[in-house]
Protein backbone atom coordinates (compact mmCIF):
# COMPACT_ATOMS: atom_id res chain seq x y z
CA MET A 1 136.09 47.60 125.72
CA LEU A 2 139.67 47.30 124.63
CA ILE A 3 142.26 47.15 126.51
CA HIS A 4 143.53 50.20 126.72
CA GLU A 5 139.93 51.39 127.61
CA VAL A 6 140.09 49.00 130.93
CA CYS A 7 143.53 50.09 131.88
CA LYS A 8 142.34 54.01 131.71
CA ASN A 9 138.43 53.45 133.39
CA TYR A 10 139.93 51.51 135.98
CA SER A 11 143.71 52.75 136.83
CA PHE A 12 144.96 48.87 135.96
CA THR A 13 147.89 49.08 134.05
CA LYS A 14 148.73 46.88 131.08
CA LYS A 15 150.99 44.64 132.56
CA ALA A 16 148.17 43.54 135.06
CA MET A 17 145.41 43.06 133.02
CA GLU A 18 147.90 40.48 130.95
CA TYR A 19 148.97 39.12 133.93
CA SER A 20 144.93 38.18 134.86
CA MET A 21 144.90 36.97 130.94
CA LYS A 22 147.30 34.75 131.72
CA GLN A 23 146.71 33.01 134.87
CA ARG A 24 142.94 32.88 133.32
CA LEU A 25 141.13 35.18 136.09
CA ILE A 26 139.85 37.26 133.22
CA SER A 27 139.46 35.52 129.32
CA PRO A 28 137.85 38.51 126.94
CA THR A 29 136.92 37.89 123.48
CA ILE A 30 139.78 38.66 120.79
CA GLN A 31 138.64 40.54 117.39
CA LYS A 32 139.52 39.63 113.87
CA ASN A 33 142.22 42.68 114.20
CA HIS A 34 143.58 40.63 117.12
CA TYR A 35 142.26 43.26 119.77
CA ARG A 36 141.15 41.97 122.61
CA ASN A 37 137.62 42.92 123.38
CA PHE A 38 136.47 42.31 126.88
CA SER A 39 132.78 41.82 127.76
CA ASP A 40 130.15 43.50 129.38
CA GLU A 41 129.69 41.41 132.02
CA LEU A 42 133.80 40.96 132.79
CA GLN A 43 133.94 44.64 133.19
CA THR A 44 131.19 43.85 136.15
CA TYR A 45 134.07 41.81 137.47
CA LEU A 46 136.06 44.74 136.32
CA ASP A 47 134.04 46.45 138.86
CA LYS A 48 133.60 44.41 141.35
CA THR A 49 137.57 44.51 141.83
CA PHE A 50 138.87 47.75 141.18
CA VAL A 51 135.56 48.98 144.06
CA GLU A 52 137.43 45.78 146.31
CA ASN A 53 141.17 47.97 145.36
CA ILE A 54 140.38 50.71 146.42
CA GLY A 55 138.90 49.64 149.75
CA ILE A 56 134.93 49.72 149.13
CA SER A 57 133.21 46.33 150.80
CA ILE A 58 130.75 45.81 148.37
CA HIS A 59 128.59 43.58 151.84
CA ASN A 60 128.57 46.48 153.42
CA ALA A 61 127.95 48.97 150.57
CA ILE A 62 124.60 46.93 149.81
CA GLU A 63 123.38 45.87 153.49
CA ASP A 64 123.73 49.93 155.07
CA PRO A 65 123.69 52.24 151.38
CA LYS A 66 124.14 54.83 153.84
CA LYS A 67 126.14 54.66 156.64
CA TYR A 68 128.69 53.10 154.84
CA LEU A 69 128.90 56.16 152.42
CA ALA A 70 128.96 58.28 155.87
CA GLU A 71 132.02 56.23 157.47
CA TYR A 72 133.67 56.16 153.67
CA LYS A 73 133.02 60.49 153.29
CA LYS A 74 134.51 59.90 156.85
CA ASP A 75 137.63 57.91 155.66
CA ILE A 76 138.33 60.01 152.46
CA GLU A 77 137.87 63.92 154.78
CA HIS A 78 140.48 62.33 157.14
CA TYR A 79 143.20 61.67 153.86
CA ILE A 80 142.64 64.61 152.94
CA ALA A 81 143.35 66.41 155.54
CA PHE A 82 146.72 64.61 156.32
CA LYS A 83 147.26 65.39 152.03
CA GLN A 84 146.53 68.61 153.23
CA SER A 85 148.92 69.42 156.25
CA LYS A 86 151.45 67.52 154.71
CA GLU A 87 151.32 69.70 151.38
CA PHE A 88 151.10 72.80 154.54
CA LYS A 89 154.22 71.66 155.90
CA THR A 90 156.16 70.85 152.80
CA THR A 91 155.21 74.44 152.01
CA SER A 92 156.22 75.91 155.42
CA TYR A 93 159.71 74.08 154.64
CA GLU A 94 160.27 75.71 151.63
CA ASN A 95 159.03 78.83 152.62
CA TYR A 96 161.85 78.33 155.88
CA PHE A 97 164.93 77.45 153.19
CA GLU A 98 163.65 80.34 150.92
CA LYS A 99 164.58 82.33 153.53
CA LEU A 100 167.43 81.49 154.64
CA GLN A 101 169.59 81.40 150.80
CA LYS A 102 168.15 85.17 151.10
CA LEU A 103 170.06 85.85 154.67
CA ASN A 104 173.64 84.47 153.27
């Protein structure tokens, strides 16, 4: 997998990937055309990093997956409800300001 594919698949920036390579946290193989190729082993490391970045504890997920997924689903539902309430408030304010403008 090439760096642009890694960035797209894992939501990492190219700058973050380059920093990780500079710090020798990851070391892809360099192809003849000077492209960096990320091996399957490296992708496993990136999978783990990505999962940790979104707040999933691998230990908890392995220990009791059903319980963990139920809790994670609940967290996501709360987050979605929060986002929707903010969008509702924004829409309400926009409607209010439109009505005010019509009055003027």
